[in-house]
Amino acid sequence: MNRHLNLLFAAFGNIIRNKVRSIAILLCLIAVLFPFICAIAISEGIKFQSLISVEQGADIYVTSDHYGSNAPISLHHLKRFQEMEGVVKVYPRVVGRTYFSNRLATIVGIPPENVTGSIHLIEGEMFREKGEVVIGKGLAKEFNLQIGVRFTLAANPSKLFKITGFIDADATIWSANLILMAFEDTAEFFQVKGKATDILIYTRPGYAPLLAKEIQEKSLSNPDSLEPPLRVQDKSLVRRYFERGFNYKAGVFTALYTVAFALAIPALLIVSGFGQTERRKEIGIIKATGWQTQEVMEMVALENLIISLTSAPLAILMAMAWLKLFNGAFIAQFFIAEIGLMAPFPVPSRFLPLPCFFAFLFAIVLTMVGSLYSTWKIATVPPVEAMR
């Protein structure tokens, strides 16, 4: 045990004595780990917000099925769904996209009485009359909009809207560029009457799987019908879609970043002392004083461990500061579409233990690969040759 402690103290001494080399390696590791930690934190934050939206949403979502994809559904299904046993509430919804000037905005149309508690207004009041809308604070801030302002949209300039309130942009990433209005207004705006993008069904506990199966079976029981079959998705299925999508995206990013790590190894080989005369002389001197090759290797491994244990927490702290103080500038745009370099809303982030552990693991792998082989190559030659 004393021998290992002595090697640990020697490793600390080498790090302190070779300040320039140690700082260079530390900065290289932080530069490599920082984007990785930021990106994974943003991905986990968006995933967390999405799952909250799913949990607060409907129990069943019904659309028409056109070649395996969602398609608008006729409103004549509403009455049948309302009469099914176990159903608490049913209402149609329209979700579309259009441009507000040069900014892509999401339009959502629902009956005013069905606005959920997740929509928080920071100013004004909810729409009540025809043509009234509430908009996200991100749009309001970008275009300097005020309550009472009337506007039109290029997709249908004949439809006039009036702003009655602003949605809190801190609620979710989708609320910043949201335009929320009555269901009838969206039907007029998109010029599609008698249909909705989906019908939302809220059920009593335990009824959702049974009702979803019943709706699907009745839809498929009449193959001669002129209407397309229905596409039924319950909350558990939607949750799996979200989790699978975000996990896939984070996995692709991790795989690509692993390639970047592999490309960073040659740089660390140079920075960590490969081929430097001072490092060769240092190893040659301690070998001449009686050190064994495995002791030299252990000392270098301990140096790498200390540097990795320092660089990973520093990279995590820098990532936290960047996401909280600078709102993930230049990084969030790779995970959230249409936001530009600076997001107009607070970028969600979550720092979980496993990605932080992976950051340390990558750091230790990089430093070990970047130094152990070169150290072994120097330590196995005669000390006189190493000191030349």
Protein backbone atom coordinates (compact mmCIF):
# COMPACT_ATOMS: atom_id res chain seq x y z
CA MET A 1 0.00 0.00 0.00
CA ASN A 2 2.83 2.41 0.81
CA ARG A 3 4.34 1.78 -2.61
CA HIS A 4 1.07 2.73 -4.33
CA LEU A 5 0.74 5.86 -2.18
CA ASN A 6 4.29 6.87 -3.06
CA LEU A 7 3.51 6.42 -6.75
CA LEU A 8 0.38 8.55 -6.30
CA PHE A 9 2.42 11.33 -4.68
CA ALA A 10 4.98 11.04 -7.50
CA ALA A 11 2.16 11.39 -10.03
CA PHE A 12 0.92 14.55 -8.27
CA GLY A 13 4.47 15.88 -8.27
CA ASN A 14 4.87 15.26 -12.00
CA ILE A 15 1.60 17.06 -12.76
CA ILE A 16 2.58 20.09 -10.68
CA ARG A 17 6.16 20.14 -12.00
CA ASN A 18 5.09 19.96 -15.66
CA LYS A 19 2.47 22.69 -15.46
CA VAL A 20 2.39 23.59 -19.16
CA ARG A 21 1.91 20.02 -20.32
CA SER A 22 -0.71 19.29 -17.62
CA ILE A 23 -2.73 22.42 -18.40
CA ALA A 24 -2.56 21.68 -22.13
CA ILE A 25 -3.92 18.15 -21.62
CA LEU A 26 -6.60 19.48 -19.25
CA LEU A 27 -7.77 22.08 -21.77
CA CYS A 28 -7.81 19.52 -24.58
CA LEU A 29 -9.98 17.17 -22.54
CA ILE A 30 -12.37 19.95 -21.52
CA ALA A 31 -12.66 21.09 -25.14
CA VAL A 32 -13.57 17.55 -26.20
CA LEU A 33 -15.94 16.77 -23.31
CA PHE A 34 -17.76 20.10 -23.09
CA PRO A 35 -19.89 19.83 -26.30
CA PHE A 36 -20.68 16.18 -25.53
CA ILE A 37 -21.99 16.97 -22.03
CA CYS A 38 -23.97 20.01 -23.26
CA ALA A 39 -25.63 18.05 -26.06
CA ILE A 40 -26.59 15.08 -23.89
CA ALA A 41 -27.95 17.42 -21.18
CA ILE A 42 -30.11 19.27 -23.75
CA SER A 43 -31.35 15.99 -25.22
CA GLU A 44 -32.34 14.72 -21.77
CA GLY A 45 -34.02 18.03 -20.95
CA ILE A 46 -36.13 18.00 -24.11
CA LYS A 47 -37.01 14.35 -23.53
CA PHE A 48 -38.10 15.14 -19.95
CA GLN A 49 -40.35 18.01 -21.09
CA SER A 50 -41.83 15.84 -23.83
CA LEU A 51 -42.72 13.07 -21.42
CA ILE A 52 -44.37 15.61 -19.09
CA SER A 53 -46.50 16.78 -22.03
CA VAL A 54 -47.43 13.18 -22.78
CA GLU A 55 -48.44 12.49 -19.19
CA GLN A 56 -50.60 15.62 -19.08
CA GLY A 57 -52.17 14.88 -22.47
CA ALA A 58 -55.06 12.71 -23.56
CA ASP A 59 -55.33 8.99 -22.92
CA ILE A 60 -56.11 8.15 -26.55
CA TYR A 61 -55.32 9.97 -29.83
CA VAL A 62 -57.36 9.01 -32.90
CA THR A 63 -56.57 10.01 -36.49
CA SER A 64 -57.30 8.59 -39.93
CA ASP A 65 -54.78 6.11 -41.26
CA HIS A 66 -53.46 6.93 -44.73
CA TYR A 67 -50.84 4.38 -45.79
CA GLY A 68 -49.58 3.96 -42.23
CA SER A 69 -49.35 7.69 -41.45
CA ASN A 70 -51.57 10.08 -39.52
CA ALA A 71 -54.17 11.94 -41.57
CA PRO A 72 -57.07 14.29 -40.74
CA ILE A 73 -60.09 12.62 -39.15
CA SER A 74 -63.74 13.46 -39.74
CA LEU A 75 -65.62 15.14 -36.87
CA HIS A 76 -68.60 12.80 -37.21
CA HIS A 77 -66.67 10.31 -35.03
CA LEU A 78 -66.97 12.64 -32.01
CA LYS A 79 -70.49 11.58 -31.01
CA ARG A 80 -69.67 7.87 -31.18
CA PHE A 81 -66.57 8.31 -29.02
CA GLN A 82 -68.49 10.40 -26.47
CA GLU A 83 -71.05 7.63 -26.02
CA MET A 84 -68.49 4.91 -25.27
CA GLU A 85 -68.35 3.59 -21.74
CA GLY A 86 -65.47 4.92 -19.66
CA VAL A 87 -65.01 8.10 -21.70
CA VAL A 88 -64.72 11.29 -19.64
CA LYS A 89 -64.07 13.92 -22.29
CA VAL A 90 -63.64 14.08 -26.07
CA TYR A 91 -62.65 17.03 -28.22
CA PRO A 92 -61.02 17.66 -31.62
CA ARG A 93 -57.69 19.39 -32.16
CA VAL A 94 -55.91 20.97 -35.09
CA VAL A 95 -52.10 21.20 -35.11
CA GLY A 96 -50.43 22.95 -38.02
CA ARG A 97 -47.46 25.10 -38.93
CA THR A 98 -47.10 28.38 -40.71
CA TYR A 99 -44.76 31.35 -40.86
CA PHE A 100 -45.22 34.41 -38.68
CA SER A 101 -43.24 36.82 -40.82
CA ASN A 102 -39.94 34.88 -41.16
CA ARG A 103 -40.38 32.77 -38.01
CA LEU A 104 -41.89 29.27 -38.20
CA ALA A 105 -44.77 29.05 -35.72
CA THR A 106 -46.99 26.21 -34.52
CA ILE A 107 -50.74 26.75 -34.67
CA VAL A 108 -52.93 24.76 -32.29
CA GLY A 109 -56.71 24.97 -32.37
CA ILE A 110 -58.91 23.52 -29.61
CA PRO A 111 -62.26 24.43 -28.07
CA PRO A 112 -61.66 27.22 -25.50
CA GLU A 113 -63.15 25.18 -22.66
CA ASN A 114 -60.58 22.43 -23.22
CA VAL A 115 -57.43 24.52 -22.76
CA THR A 116 -55.23 22.51 -20.40
CA GLY A 117 -53.60 23.76 -17.23
CA SER A 118 -50.15 23.40 -18.83
CA ILE A 119 -50.83 26.62 -20.79
CA HIS A 120 -49.68 29.43 -18.49
CA LEU A 121 -50.39 33.04 -19.42
CA ILE A 122 -47.95 35.65 -18.16
CA GLU A 123 -50.03 38.54 -19.46
CA GLY A 124 -53.58 39.07 -20.74
CA GLU A 125 -56.35 36.50 -20.84
CA MET A 126 -57.35 33.36 -22.73
CA PHE A 127 -59.19 33.73 -26.06
CA ARG A 128 -62.98 33.74 -25.88
CA GLU A 129 -64.33 35.25 -29.08
CA LYS A 130 -63.87 34.33 -32.70
CA GLY A 131 -60.55 35.59 -34.11
CA GLU A 132 -58.87 35.90 -30.71
CA VAL A 133 -55.56 34.14 -30.09
CA VAL A 134 -52.87 33.83 -27.45
CA ILE A 135 -49.28 33.60 -28.63
CA GLY A 136 -45.94 32.50 -27.21
CA LYS A 137 -43.76 35.06 -25.50
CA GLY A 138 -40.93 34.21 -27.90
CA LEU A 139 -42.90 35.48 -30.88
CA ALA A 140 -44.14 38.49 -28.93
CA LYS A 141 -40.63 39.47 -27.89
CA GLU A 142 -39.08 38.96 -31.33
CA PHE A 143 -41.70 41.07 -33.15
CA ASN A 144 -42.48 43.50 -30.30
CA LEU A 145 -46.16 42.53 -30.16
CA GLN A 146 -48.65 43.91 -27.65
CA ILE A 147 -52.03 42.76 -26.39
CA GLY A 148 -54.79 44.01 -28.69
CA VAL A 149 -52.61 43.98 -31.81
CA ARG A 150 -54.30 42.53 -34.87
CA PHE A 151 -52.38 40.58 -37.51
CA THR A 152 -52.73 38.25 -40.47
CA LEU A 153 -50.62 35.35 -41.66
CA ALA A 154 -49.34 34.84 -45.20
CA ALA A 155 -50.90 31.37 -45.48
CA ASN A 156 -54.38 32.96 -45.35
CA PRO A 157 -54.26 36.78 -45.28
CA SER A 158 -58.07 37.05 -45.31
CA LYS A 159 -58.22 35.71 -41.73
CA LEU A 160 -57.67 38.44 -39.11
CA PHE A 161 -56.50 37.60 -35.58
CA LYS A 162 -56.38 39.62 -32.37
CA ILE A 163 -53.89 38.97 -29.54
CA THR A 164 -55.49 38.61 -26.10
CA GLY A 165 -52.61 37.11 -24.10
CA PHE A 166 -49.05 35.84 -24.01
CA ILE A 167 -48.03 32.28 -23.16
CA ASP A 168 -45.15 31.79 -20.75
CA ALA A 169 -42.10 30.83 -22.81
CA ASP A 170 -40.53 29.13 -19.78
CA ALA A 171 -43.21 26.44 -19.68
CA THR A 172 -41.97 24.25 -22.56
CA ILE A 173 -39.80 24.74 -25.63
CA TRP A 174 -42.92 24.51 -27.83
CA SER A 175 -44.80 27.35 -26.15
CA ALA A 176 -42.38 30.10 -27.23
CA ASN A 177 -43.49 30.06 -30.89
CA LEU A 178 -47.04 28.83 -30.31
CA ILE A 179 -50.24 30.44 -31.62
CA LEU A 180 -53.23 29.04 -29.73
CA MET A 181 -56.75 29.71 -30.99
CA ALA A 182 -60.27 28.30 -31.10
CA PHE A 183 -60.84 25.14 -33.13
CA GLU A 184 -63.25 26.90 -35.52
CA ASP A 185 -60.64 29.57 -36.30
CA THR A 186 -58.07 26.97 -37.35
CA ALA A 187 -60.65 25.31 -39.60
CA GLU A 188 -61.22 28.65 -41.34
CA PHE A 189 -57.53 29.51 -41.45
CA PHE A 190 -56.42 26.21 -43.01
CA GLN A 191 -59.66 26.04 -45.04
CA VAL A 192 -60.39 22.49 -43.95
CA LYS A 193 -63.82 22.23 -42.35
CA GLY A 194 -65.38 19.14 -40.82
CA LYS A 195 -62.02 17.58 -39.97
CA ALA A 196 -59.35 17.68 -37.27
CA THR A 197 -55.75 16.54 -37.20
CA ASP A 198 -56.71 14.27 -34.29
CA ILE A 199 -59.43 13.60 -31.72
CA LEU A 200 -58.36 13.49 -28.08
CA ILE A 201 -60.12 11.09 -25.73
CA TYR A 202 -59.80 11.23 -21.93
CA THR A 203 -60.91 8.11 -20.07
CA ARG A 204 -61.39 6.85 -16.56
CA PRO A 205 -58.43 4.94 -15.10
CA GLY A 206 -57.92 1.54 -16.67
CA TYR A 207 -60.24 2.10 -19.66
CA ALA A 208 -57.74 3.46 -22.18
CA PRO A 209 -56.27 0.14 -23.47
CA LEU A 210 -59.73 -1.44 -23.80
CA LEU A 211 -61.24 1.55 -25.59
CA ALA A 212 -58.26 1.89 -27.92
CA LYS A 213 -58.62 -1.77 -28.91
CA GLU A 214 -62.38 -1.43 -29.38
CA ILE A 215 -62.06 1.66 -31.60
CA GLN A 216 -59.39 -0.03 -33.72
CA GLU A 217 -61.38 -3.25 -34.12
CA LYS A 218 -64.59 -1.43 -35.11
CA SER A 219 -62.63 0.63 -37.62
CA LEU A 220 -61.23 -2.51 -39.28
CA SER A 221 -64.48 -4.51 -39.14
CA ASN A 222 -65.94 -2.83 -42.25
CA PRO A 223 -63.40 -3.17 -45.08
CA ASP A 224 -65.96 -1.95 -47.68
CA SER A 225 -66.30 1.47 -46.05
CA LEU A 226 -65.30 4.44 -48.20
CA GLU A 227 -63.62 6.09 -45.21
CA PRO A 228 -60.02 5.21 -44.34
CA PRO A 229 -59.44 3.11 -41.22
CA LEU A 230 -58.66 4.84 -37.95
CA ARG A 231 -55.21 5.06 -36.42
CA VAL A 232 -55.45 4.72 -32.62
CA GLN A 233 -52.57 5.58 -30.30
CA ASP A 234 -52.86 5.44 -26.53
CA LYS A 235 -50.67 7.27 -24.04
CA SER A 236 -48.27 4.36 -23.50
CA LEU A 237 -47.62 4.06 -27.25
CA VAL A 238 -47.01 7.81 -27.60
CA ARG A 239 -44.62 7.66 -24.64
CA ARG A 240 -42.66 4.86 -26.31
CA TYR A 241 -42.46 6.88 -29.55
CA PHE A 242 -40.99 9.85 -27.69
CA GLU A 243 -38.51 7.78 -25.72
CA ARG A 244 -37.40 5.82 -28.78
CA GLY A 245 -36.97 8.95 -30.87
CA PHE A 246 -34.91 10.88 -28.34
CA ASN A 247 -32.85 7.84 -27.36
CA TYR A 248 -32.10 7.20 -31.04
CA LYS A 249 -31.06 10.81 -31.63
CA ALA A 250 -28.86 10.87 -28.53
CA GLY A 251 -27.38 7.51 -29.54
CA VAL A 252 -26.51 8.75 -33.03
CA PHE A 253 -24.86 11.84 -31.53
CA THR A 254 -22.89 9.70 -29.07
CA ALA A 255 -21.72 7.41 -31.87
CA LEU A 256 -20.57 10.36 -33.99
CA TYR A 257 -18.84 11.91 -31.00
CA THR A 258 -17.06 8.64 -30.28
CA VAL A 259 -15.55 8.93 -33.75
CA ALA A 260 -14.47 12.46 -32.84
CA PHE A 261 -12.84 11.06 -29.69
CA ALA A 262 -10.94 8.57 -31.79
CA LEU A 263 -9.71 11.40 -34.00
CA ALA A 264 -8.68 13.35 -30.89
CA ILE A 265 -6.33 10.58 -29.70
CA PRO A 266 -3.45 11.52 -32.07
CA ALA A 267 -3.64 15.12 -30.82
CA LEU A 268 -3.47 13.94 -27.22
CA LEU A 269 -0.57 11.67 -28.09
CA ILE A 270 1.38 14.78 -29.04
CA VAL A 271 0.15 16.98 -26.21
CA SER A 272 0.68 14.31 -23.53
CA GLY A 273 4.39 14.09 -24.25
CA PHE A 274 4.86 11.55 -27.03
CA GLY A 275 8.29 12.18 -28.54
CA GLN A 276 9.20 14.99 -26.17
CA THR A 277 12.78 14.93 -24.94
CA GLU A 278 11.89 16.02 -21.40
CA ARG A 279 9.50 13.10 -20.89
CA ARG A 280 12.04 10.63 -22.21
CA LYS A 281 14.75 11.99 -19.96
CA GLU A 282 12.41 11.90 -16.94
CA ILE A 283 11.56 8.24 -17.51
CA GLY A 284 15.21 7.41 -18.22
CA ILE A 285 16.32 9.00 -14.92
CA ILE A 286 13.78 7.18 -12.74
CA LYS A 287 14.59 3.92 -14.55
CA ALA A 288 18.28 4.49 -13.79
CA THR A 289 17.46 4.93 -10.07
CA GLY A 290 15.93 1.48 -9.90
CA TRP A 291 12.28 1.89 -10.94
CA GLN A 292 10.63 -1.04 -12.64
CA THR A 293 8.69 -0.70 -15.89
CA GLN A 294 5.37 -1.55 -14.19
CA GLU A 295 5.99 1.17 -11.59
CA VAL A 296 6.56 3.75 -14.33
CA MET A 297 3.39 2.59 -16.05
CA GLU A 298 1.41 2.78 -12.81
CA MET A 299 2.66 6.30 -12.09
CA VAL A 300 1.64 7.50 -15.56
CA ALA A 301 -1.75 5.77 -15.19
CA LEU A 302 -2.26 7.61 -11.89
CA GLU A 303 -1.37 10.89 -13.59
CA ASN A 304 -4.03 10.18 -16.22
CA LEU A 305 -6.56 9.29 -13.51
CA ILE A 306 -5.93 12.56 -11.66
CA ILE A 307 -6.20 14.63 -14.84
CA SER A 308 -9.40 12.81 -15.88
CA LEU A 309 -10.95 13.28 -12.43
CA THR A 310 -10.15 16.98 -12.76
CA SER A 311 -11.17 17.56 -16.38
CA ALA A 312 -14.54 15.75 -16.31
CA PRO A 313 -16.02 17.77 -13.36
CA LEU A 314 -14.63 21.00 -14.83
CA ALA A 315 -16.25 20.19 -18.20
CA ILE A 316 -19.56 19.45 -16.41
CA LEU A 317 -19.41 22.75 -14.48
CA MET A 318 -18.62 24.65 -17.67
CA ALA A 319 -21.51 22.93 -19.46
CA MET A 320 -23.88 23.85 -16.61
CA ALA A 321 -22.72 27.46 -16.72
CA TRP A 322 -23.03 27.61 -20.52
CA LEU A 323 -26.56 26.21 -20.53
CA LYS A 324 -27.80 28.31 -17.62
CA LEU A 325 -26.01 31.61 -18.30
CA PHE A 326 -25.76 31.55 -22.11
CA ASN A 327 -28.84 29.37 -22.77
CA GLY A 328 -26.91 26.77 -24.77
CA ALA A 329 -25.87 29.18 -27.52
CA PHE A 330 -24.46 27.54 -30.71
CA ILE A 331 -25.24 24.03 -29.36
CA ALA A 332 -29.01 23.89 -28.78
CA GLN A 333 -29.74 24.47 -32.48
CA PHE A 334 -28.47 20.97 -33.30
CA PHE A 335 -31.20 19.44 -31.11
CA ILE A 336 -34.03 21.99 -31.48
CA ALA A 337 -34.98 22.96 -35.01
CA GLU A 338 -35.67 26.51 -36.20
CA ILE A 339 -34.19 28.36 -33.20
CA GLY A 340 -31.06 29.90 -34.70
CA LEU A 341 -27.87 30.51 -32.76
CA MET A 342 -29.68 31.99 -29.76
CA ALA A 343 -32.84 30.29 -28.50
CA PRO A 344 -35.75 32.67 -27.75
CA PHE A 345 -36.75 30.51 -24.76
CA PRO A 346 -34.95 28.80 -21.87
CA VAL A 347 -33.30 25.69 -23.28
CA PRO A 348 -34.19 22.67 -21.10
CA SER A 349 -31.34 20.58 -19.74
CA ARG A 350 -30.83 17.70 -17.31
CA PHE A 351 -27.49 16.47 -16.00
CA LEU A 352 -27.90 12.80 -15.22
CA PRO A 353 -25.27 10.60 -13.50
CA LEU A 354 -24.74 8.18 -16.41
CA PRO A 355 -23.71 10.76 -19.08
CA CYS A 356 -21.42 12.43 -16.53
CA PHE A 357 -19.83 9.06 -15.81
CA PHE A 358 -19.39 8.50 -19.55
CA ALA A 359 -17.63 11.87 -19.78
CA PHE A 360 -15.10 10.71 -17.16
CA LEU A 361 -14.81 7.34 -18.90
CA PHE A 362 -14.04 8.99 -22.24
CA ALA A 363 -11.46 11.23 -20.56
CA ILE A 364 -9.66 8.31 -18.92
CA VAL A 365 -9.71 6.29 -22.17
CA LEU A 366 -8.30 9.20 -24.15
CA THR A 367 -5.50 9.91 -21.71
CA MET A 368 -4.61 6.23 -21.26
CA VAL A 369 -4.49 5.54 -24.98
CA GLY A 370 -2.61 8.77 -25.53
CA SER A 371 0.19 8.04 -23.05
CA LEU A 372 0.50 4.41 -21.92
CA TYR A 373 1.86 3.07 -25.18
CA SER A 374 4.42 5.87 -25.55
CA THR A 375 5.43 5.44 -21.89
CA TRP A 376 5.86 1.69 -22.26
CA LYS A 377 7.94 2.18 -25.40
CA ILE A 378 10.28 4.57 -23.56
CA ALA A 379 10.39 2.55 -20.33
CA THR A 380 11.48 -0.66 -22.07
CA VAL A 381 14.64 0.82 -23.62
CA PRO A 382 17.93 1.14 -21.66
CA PRO A 383 17.97 4.25 -19.41
CA VAL A 384 21.08 5.63 -21.17
CA GLU A 385 19.28 5.57 -24.53
CA ALA A 386 16.15 7.15 -23.03
CA MET A 387 18.20 10.03 -21.54
CA ARG A 388 19.90 10.96 -24.81
